[in-house]
Amino acid sequence: MIVLMEITIYIALVLVGLCMGSFAGATTWRLRANELADDKKRGDEYDDAEYEQLKKLTHIKTSRDRSVCLHCSYRLRWYDLIPLVSWVLLRGKCRQCRHAIGYFEPLMELGVALFFVLSYAFWPGQLISGLQITHFVIWLAAGVVLAILFAYDAKWFLLPDKINYSLIGLGLASSVIVAITSNNLSAAIGNIAGSVAILSGMYYIIYLLSRGKWIGFGDIKLGLGLALLLADWQLAFIALFAANLIGCLIVIPMMAVGKLKRDSHIQFGPLLIIGTVIAWLAGAVLLSWYSGMVLV
């Protein structure tokens, strides 16, 4: 009976994760379209070809918002929107114009579904009380927001304020639950403050020292949201360490083969997001392992 329930939960997480991944992908494109439209109105520099392709997404009223093909404007039907399944059946092409859709959408869907499954499998606490389950749901919601930030920063080197603020709100709710369920409220608040100092305060100092040349202010806001999600200075340190380690493993080989230069701009947001997920799901194990190594 317990095994059947666990299987049911995993299936539900996969299905919901695929749907939320589809939502995250669609939201990413709409955010980009609106940003380009705003740049055009302000007279800022923008990619005209990209704007012409995406501007159709800015002319749809919210009440009539439907996904469309970015190439022929074909309005997708419900059977074109089944996460992953429709993409596979259509072989990654538009039903009408047969233009390649690309891998962005299925990767977003699979990524969020994988995040949901791993979050449940490696959740560091119990899921019994209402507050515990609420905390888990907030984390899953944050995962959808993180998917949007990850994709947007990876593609366009930007972290939209609207999405960053959503993450900060979810992080604040998560921190409140951590604080009120803690046996020591003052210690919990201190841990949250330390987490913010590491993941947001440090980047703010770097931002000031470099006058915005090394990192953008969006990274500071992202760091604040992630710090509130972790609500623990030790986990924040692990997230920062993991992000830099992964960055080195990617950047150094690319510099060695000449694909990156010393002054190349690297998106740190996606690395910090990966580091945060690792810290939350595996941080307790890593801390325990490190303590054992030190004591030995």
Protein backbone atom coordinates (compact mmCIF):
# COMPACT_ATOMS: atom_id res chain seq x y z
CA MET A 1 0.00 0.00 0.00
CA ILE A 2 2.83 2.40 0.91
CA VAL A 3 4.73 1.50 -2.25
CA LEU A 4 1.64 2.15 -4.38
CA MET A 5 1.15 5.54 -2.72
CA GLU A 6 4.78 6.48 -3.37
CA ILE A 7 4.48 5.48 -7.03
CA THR A 8 1.30 7.56 -7.31
CA ILE A 9 3.05 10.58 -5.78
CA TYR A 10 5.98 10.28 -8.19
CA ILE A 11 3.67 9.98 -11.19
CA ALA A 12 1.73 13.04 -10.02
CA LEU A 13 4.95 15.00 -9.54
CA VAL A 14 6.12 14.11 -13.05
CA LEU A 15 2.81 15.14 -14.63
CA VAL A 16 2.51 18.38 -12.67
CA GLY A 17 6.18 19.11 -13.24
CA LEU A 18 5.79 18.71 -17.01
CA CYS A 19 2.79 21.07 -17.00
CA MET A 20 4.57 23.66 -14.87
CA GLY A 21 7.65 23.35 -17.07
CA SER A 22 5.47 24.14 -20.08
CA PHE A 23 4.10 27.16 -18.21
CA ALA A 24 7.63 28.29 -17.34
CA GLY A 25 8.71 28.04 -20.98
CA ALA A 26 5.73 30.03 -22.25
CA THR A 27 6.25 32.66 -19.54
CA THR A 28 9.90 33.03 -20.52
CA TRP A 29 9.01 33.83 -24.14
CA ARG A 30 6.32 36.31 -23.11
CA LEU A 31 8.68 38.06 -20.73
CA ARG A 32 11.22 38.43 -23.52
CA ALA A 33 8.62 39.74 -25.95
CA ASN A 34 7.40 42.35 -23.46
CA GLU A 35 10.97 43.38 -22.63
CA LEU A 36 11.76 43.97 -26.31
CA ALA A 37 8.53 45.97 -26.69
CA ASP A 38 9.47 48.11 -23.68
CA ASP A 39 12.98 48.65 -25.08
CA LYS A 40 11.49 49.81 -28.36
CA LYS A 41 9.13 52.26 -26.62
CA ARG A 42 11.96 53.75 -24.56
CA GLY A 43 14.18 54.06 -27.60
CA ASP A 44 16.75 51.65 -26.16
CA GLU A 45 18.83 49.32 -28.30
CA TYR A 46 17.07 46.05 -29.14
CA ASP A 47 17.24 43.17 -31.60
CA ASP A 48 14.80 44.11 -34.36
CA ALA A 49 14.68 40.62 -35.90
CA GLU A 50 13.92 39.05 -32.52
CA TYR A 51 11.26 41.67 -31.83
CA GLU A 52 9.55 41.00 -35.16
CA GLN A 53 9.43 37.31 -34.32
CA LEU A 54 8.11 37.73 -30.78
CA LYS A 55 5.92 40.86 -31.03
CA LYS A 56 2.83 38.73 -31.74
CA LEU A 57 3.04 37.57 -28.10
CA THR A 58 2.55 41.15 -26.87
CA HIS A 59 -0.70 41.75 -28.77
CA ILE A 60 -2.75 39.03 -27.13
CA LYS A 61 -5.08 39.96 -24.29
CA THR A 62 -4.64 37.95 -21.12
CA SER A 63 -8.19 36.60 -21.34
CA ARG A 64 -7.45 35.25 -24.85
CA ASP A 65 -3.84 34.31 -24.30
CA ARG A 66 -2.99 31.18 -26.24
CA SER A 67 0.34 29.75 -27.30
CA VAL A 68 1.19 30.37 -30.95
CA CYS A 69 3.91 29.26 -33.36
CA LEU A 70 6.58 31.96 -33.42
CA HIS A 71 7.08 31.42 -37.16
CA CYS A 72 3.61 31.20 -38.74
CA SER A 73 1.40 32.46 -35.85
CA TYR A 74 -0.60 29.22 -35.86
CA ARG A 75 -2.63 29.18 -32.65
CA LEU A 76 -1.89 25.91 -30.91
CA ARG A 77 -4.84 23.65 -30.06
CA TRP A 78 -5.12 21.69 -26.84
CA TYR A 79 -3.72 18.57 -28.51
CA ASP A 80 -0.63 20.57 -29.51
CA LEU A 81 0.00 21.56 -25.91
CA ILE A 82 0.33 18.21 -24.15
CA PRO A 83 3.69 18.61 -22.40
CA LEU A 84 6.47 16.62 -24.06
CA VAL A 85 4.01 14.23 -25.75
CA SER A 86 2.91 16.73 -28.42
CA TRP A 87 6.52 17.70 -29.13
CA VAL A 88 7.50 14.06 -29.60
CA LEU A 89 4.50 13.20 -31.80
CA LEU A 90 5.10 16.26 -33.98
CA ARG A 91 8.83 15.47 -34.07
CA GLY A 92 9.66 18.91 -32.73
CA LYS A 93 7.91 20.79 -35.57
CA CYS A 94 4.92 23.09 -35.93
CA ARG A 95 1.80 21.21 -37.06
CA GLN A 96 1.02 23.83 -39.71
CA CYS A 97 4.26 25.27 -41.12
CA ARG A 98 6.50 22.31 -40.12
CA HIS A 99 9.18 24.70 -38.91
CA ALA A 100 11.42 23.27 -36.19
CA ILE A 101 10.26 24.29 -32.71
CA GLY A 102 13.59 23.61 -31.04
CA TYR A 103 14.58 21.95 -27.80
CA PHE A 104 13.88 24.82 -25.41
CA GLU A 105 10.30 23.79 -24.57
CA PRO A 106 10.88 20.06 -23.92
CA LEU A 107 14.03 20.81 -21.92
CA MET A 108 12.07 23.22 -19.70
CA GLU A 109 9.34 20.63 -19.19
CA LEU A 110 11.76 17.82 -18.41
CA GLY A 111 13.89 20.07 -16.21
CA VAL A 112 11.00 21.14 -13.97
CA ALA A 113 9.63 17.58 -13.81
CA LEU A 114 13.07 16.32 -12.77
CA PHE A 115 13.30 19.08 -10.17
CA PHE A 116 9.92 18.04 -8.69
CA VAL A 117 10.91 14.36 -8.52
CA LEU A 118 14.37 14.98 -7.02
CA SER A 119 12.93 17.44 -4.52
CA TYR A 120 10.56 14.80 -3.18
CA ALA A 121 13.15 12.01 -3.28
CA PHE A 122 15.82 14.00 -1.42
CA TRP A 123 13.69 16.34 0.69
CA PRO A 124 15.76 16.99 3.83
CA GLY A 125 12.83 16.97 6.26
CA GLN A 126 9.56 15.21 6.94
CA LEU A 127 6.34 15.79 5.03
CA ILE A 128 3.74 15.10 7.69
CA SER A 129 2.33 18.32 9.15
CA GLY A 130 0.52 21.04 7.24
CA LEU A 131 3.43 23.46 7.60
CA GLN A 132 5.92 20.88 6.36
CA ILE A 133 3.83 20.16 3.27
CA THR A 134 3.31 23.90 2.72
CA HIS A 135 7.07 24.39 2.86
CA PHE A 136 7.52 21.68 0.21
CA VAL A 137 4.89 23.25 -2.05
CA ILE A 138 6.58 26.66 -1.72
CA TRP A 139 9.88 25.05 -2.72
CA LEU A 140 8.25 23.48 -5.80
CA ALA A 141 6.71 26.83 -6.76
CA ALA A 142 10.13 28.42 -6.32
CA GLY A 143 11.53 25.75 -8.64
CA VAL A 144 9.22 26.94 -11.44
CA VAL A 145 10.38 30.52 -10.86
CA LEU A 146 14.01 29.37 -10.82
CA ALA A 147 13.49 27.59 -14.15
CA ILE A 148 12.36 30.88 -15.71
CA LEU A 149 15.30 32.79 -14.23
CA PHE A 150 17.73 30.05 -15.28
CA ALA A 151 16.52 30.03 -18.88
CA TYR A 152 16.26 33.81 -19.20
CA ASP A 153 19.73 34.47 -17.85
CA ALA A 154 21.24 31.66 -19.91
CA LYS A 155 19.69 32.94 -23.14
CA TRP A 156 19.73 36.72 -22.70
CA PHE A 157 22.11 37.52 -19.81
CA LEU A 158 19.31 39.11 -17.78
CA LEU A 159 17.32 38.37 -14.62
CA PRO A 160 13.84 39.98 -14.90
CA ASP A 161 12.81 41.98 -11.85
CA LYS A 162 9.24 40.63 -11.84
CA ILE A 163 10.47 37.06 -11.57
CA ASN A 164 13.17 37.96 -9.05
CA TYR A 165 10.57 39.63 -6.85
CA SER A 166 8.38 36.52 -7.08
CA LEU A 167 11.33 34.44 -5.90
CA ILE A 168 12.00 36.83 -3.01
CA GLY A 169 8.34 36.55 -1.95
CA LEU A 170 8.46 32.75 -2.00
CA GLY A 171 11.79 32.83 -0.18
CA LEU A 172 10.36 35.08 2.51
CA ALA A 173 7.42 32.70 3.01
CA SER A 174 9.86 29.80 3.24
CA SER A 175 11.99 31.64 5.81
CA VAL A 176 8.93 32.38 7.94
CA ILE A 177 8.05 28.67 8.05
CA VAL A 178 11.63 27.77 8.93
CA ALA A 179 11.62 30.34 11.72
CA ILE A 180 8.29 29.44 13.31
CA THR A 181 9.04 25.70 13.21
CA SER A 182 12.48 26.14 14.75
CA ASN A 183 13.17 25.28 18.38
CA ASN A 184 15.29 28.42 18.68
CA LEU A 185 13.75 31.46 17.01
CA SER A 186 16.70 33.79 17.56
CA ALA A 187 19.13 31.24 16.11
CA ALA A 188 16.86 30.71 13.09
CA ILE A 189 16.71 34.47 12.45
CA GLY A 190 20.49 34.63 12.77
CA ASN A 191 20.85 31.80 10.24
CA ILE A 192 18.57 33.60 7.80
CA ALA A 193 20.50 36.86 8.21
CA GLY A 194 23.77 35.01 7.65
CA SER A 195 22.40 33.38 4.52
CA VAL A 196 21.37 36.77 3.14
CA ALA A 197 24.78 38.22 3.97
CA ILE A 198 26.56 35.44 2.06
CA LEU A 199 24.41 35.15 -1.06
CA SER A 200 23.20 38.74 -1.44
CA GLY A 201 25.31 41.01 0.76
CA MET A 202 28.59 39.78 -0.65
CA TYR A 203 27.42 40.37 -4.22
CA TYR A 204 26.24 43.82 -3.26
CA ILE A 205 29.76 44.64 -2.05
CA ILE A 206 31.23 43.29 -5.31
CA TYR A 207 28.69 45.34 -7.25
CA LEU A 208 29.73 48.51 -5.41
CA LEU A 209 33.46 47.86 -5.73
CA SER A 210 33.22 47.12 -9.46
CA ARG A 211 30.58 49.80 -10.09
CA GLY A 212 28.38 47.20 -11.73
CA LYS A 213 31.04 45.93 -14.16
CA TRP A 214 31.52 42.46 -12.68
CA ILE A 215 27.94 41.58 -11.78
CA GLY A 216 24.53 43.12 -12.35
CA PHE A 217 22.06 44.20 -9.69
CA GLY A 218 19.80 41.35 -10.77
CA ASP A 219 22.32 38.90 -9.30
CA ILE A 220 21.97 40.64 -5.93
CA LYS A 221 18.18 40.23 -6.04
CA LEU A 222 18.55 36.62 -7.11
CA GLY A 223 20.96 36.03 -4.24
CA LEU A 224 18.43 37.50 -1.80
CA GLY A 225 15.66 35.18 -3.00
CA LEU A 226 17.93 32.13 -2.88
CA ALA A 227 19.26 33.08 0.56
CA LEU A 228 15.72 33.33 1.94
CA LEU A 229 14.86 29.95 0.42
CA LEU A 230 17.85 28.29 2.10
CA ALA A 231 17.44 30.24 5.37
CA ASP A 232 20.75 28.88 6.68
CA TRP A 233 24.21 30.41 6.36
CA GLN A 234 25.91 27.01 6.09
CA LEU A 235 23.67 25.99 3.20
CA ALA A 236 24.26 29.39 1.60
CA PHE A 237 28.00 28.80 1.78
CA ILE A 238 27.59 25.37 0.17
CA ALA A 239 25.48 26.92 -2.60
CA LEU A 240 28.13 29.54 -3.27
CA PHE A 241 30.94 26.99 -3.21
CA ALA A 242 29.06 24.60 -5.52
CA ALA A 243 28.24 27.39 -7.97
CA ASN A 244 31.88 28.48 -8.19
CA LEU A 245 33.12 24.88 -8.45
CA ILE A 246 30.72 24.10 -11.30
CA GLY A 247 31.70 27.38 -12.94
CA CYS A 248 35.38 26.44 -12.81
CA LEU A 249 34.68 23.00 -14.25
CA ILE A 250 32.92 24.66 -17.19
CA VAL A 251 34.96 27.81 -17.73
CA ILE A 252 38.52 26.47 -17.41
CA PRO A 253 38.17 23.80 -20.14
CA MET A 254 36.42 26.31 -22.44
CA MET A 255 39.25 28.80 -21.90
CA ALA A 256 41.77 26.06 -22.61
CA VAL A 257 40.25 25.37 -26.04
CA GLY A 258 39.83 29.07 -26.82
CA LYS A 259 36.03 29.26 -26.66
CA LEU A 260 36.19 31.74 -23.77
CA LYS A 261 38.54 34.60 -22.99
CA ARG A 262 39.54 36.05 -19.65
CA ASP A 263 37.24 39.02 -20.17
CA SER A 264 34.26 36.96 -21.43
CA HIS A 265 30.98 37.57 -19.64
CA ILE A 266 29.70 34.47 -17.83
CA GLN A 267 26.13 34.11 -16.60
CA PHE A 268 26.50 33.31 -12.91
CA GLY A 269 22.75 33.16 -12.20
CA PRO A 270 22.23 29.62 -13.55
CA LEU A 271 25.28 28.38 -11.64
CA LEU A 272 24.01 29.90 -8.40
CA ILE A 273 20.59 28.34 -8.96
CA ILE A 274 22.14 24.89 -9.44
CA GLY A 275 24.30 25.43 -6.36
CA THR A 276 21.24 26.36 -4.30
CA VAL A 277 19.33 23.23 -5.35
CA ILE A 278 22.36 21.09 -4.46
CA ALA A 279 22.73 22.86 -1.11
CA TRP A 280 19.09 22.35 -0.12
CA LEU A 281 18.71 18.74 -1.22
CA ALA A 282 22.19 17.48 -0.30
CA GLY A 283 23.52 20.13 2.09
CA ALA A 284 22.80 18.19 5.27
CA VAL A 285 24.60 15.13 3.90
CA LEU A 286 27.57 17.23 2.77
CA LEU A 287 27.81 18.97 6.15
CA SER A 288 27.66 15.64 7.95
CA TRP A 289 30.39 14.23 5.71
CA TYR A 290 32.58 17.29 6.23
CA SER A 291 32.12 17.17 10.02
CA GLY A 292 33.14 13.53 9.99
CA MET A 293 36.25 14.31 7.98
CA VAL A 294 37.26 17.12 10.35
CA LEU A 295 36.67 15.08 13.50
CA VAL A 296 38.70 12.19 12.11
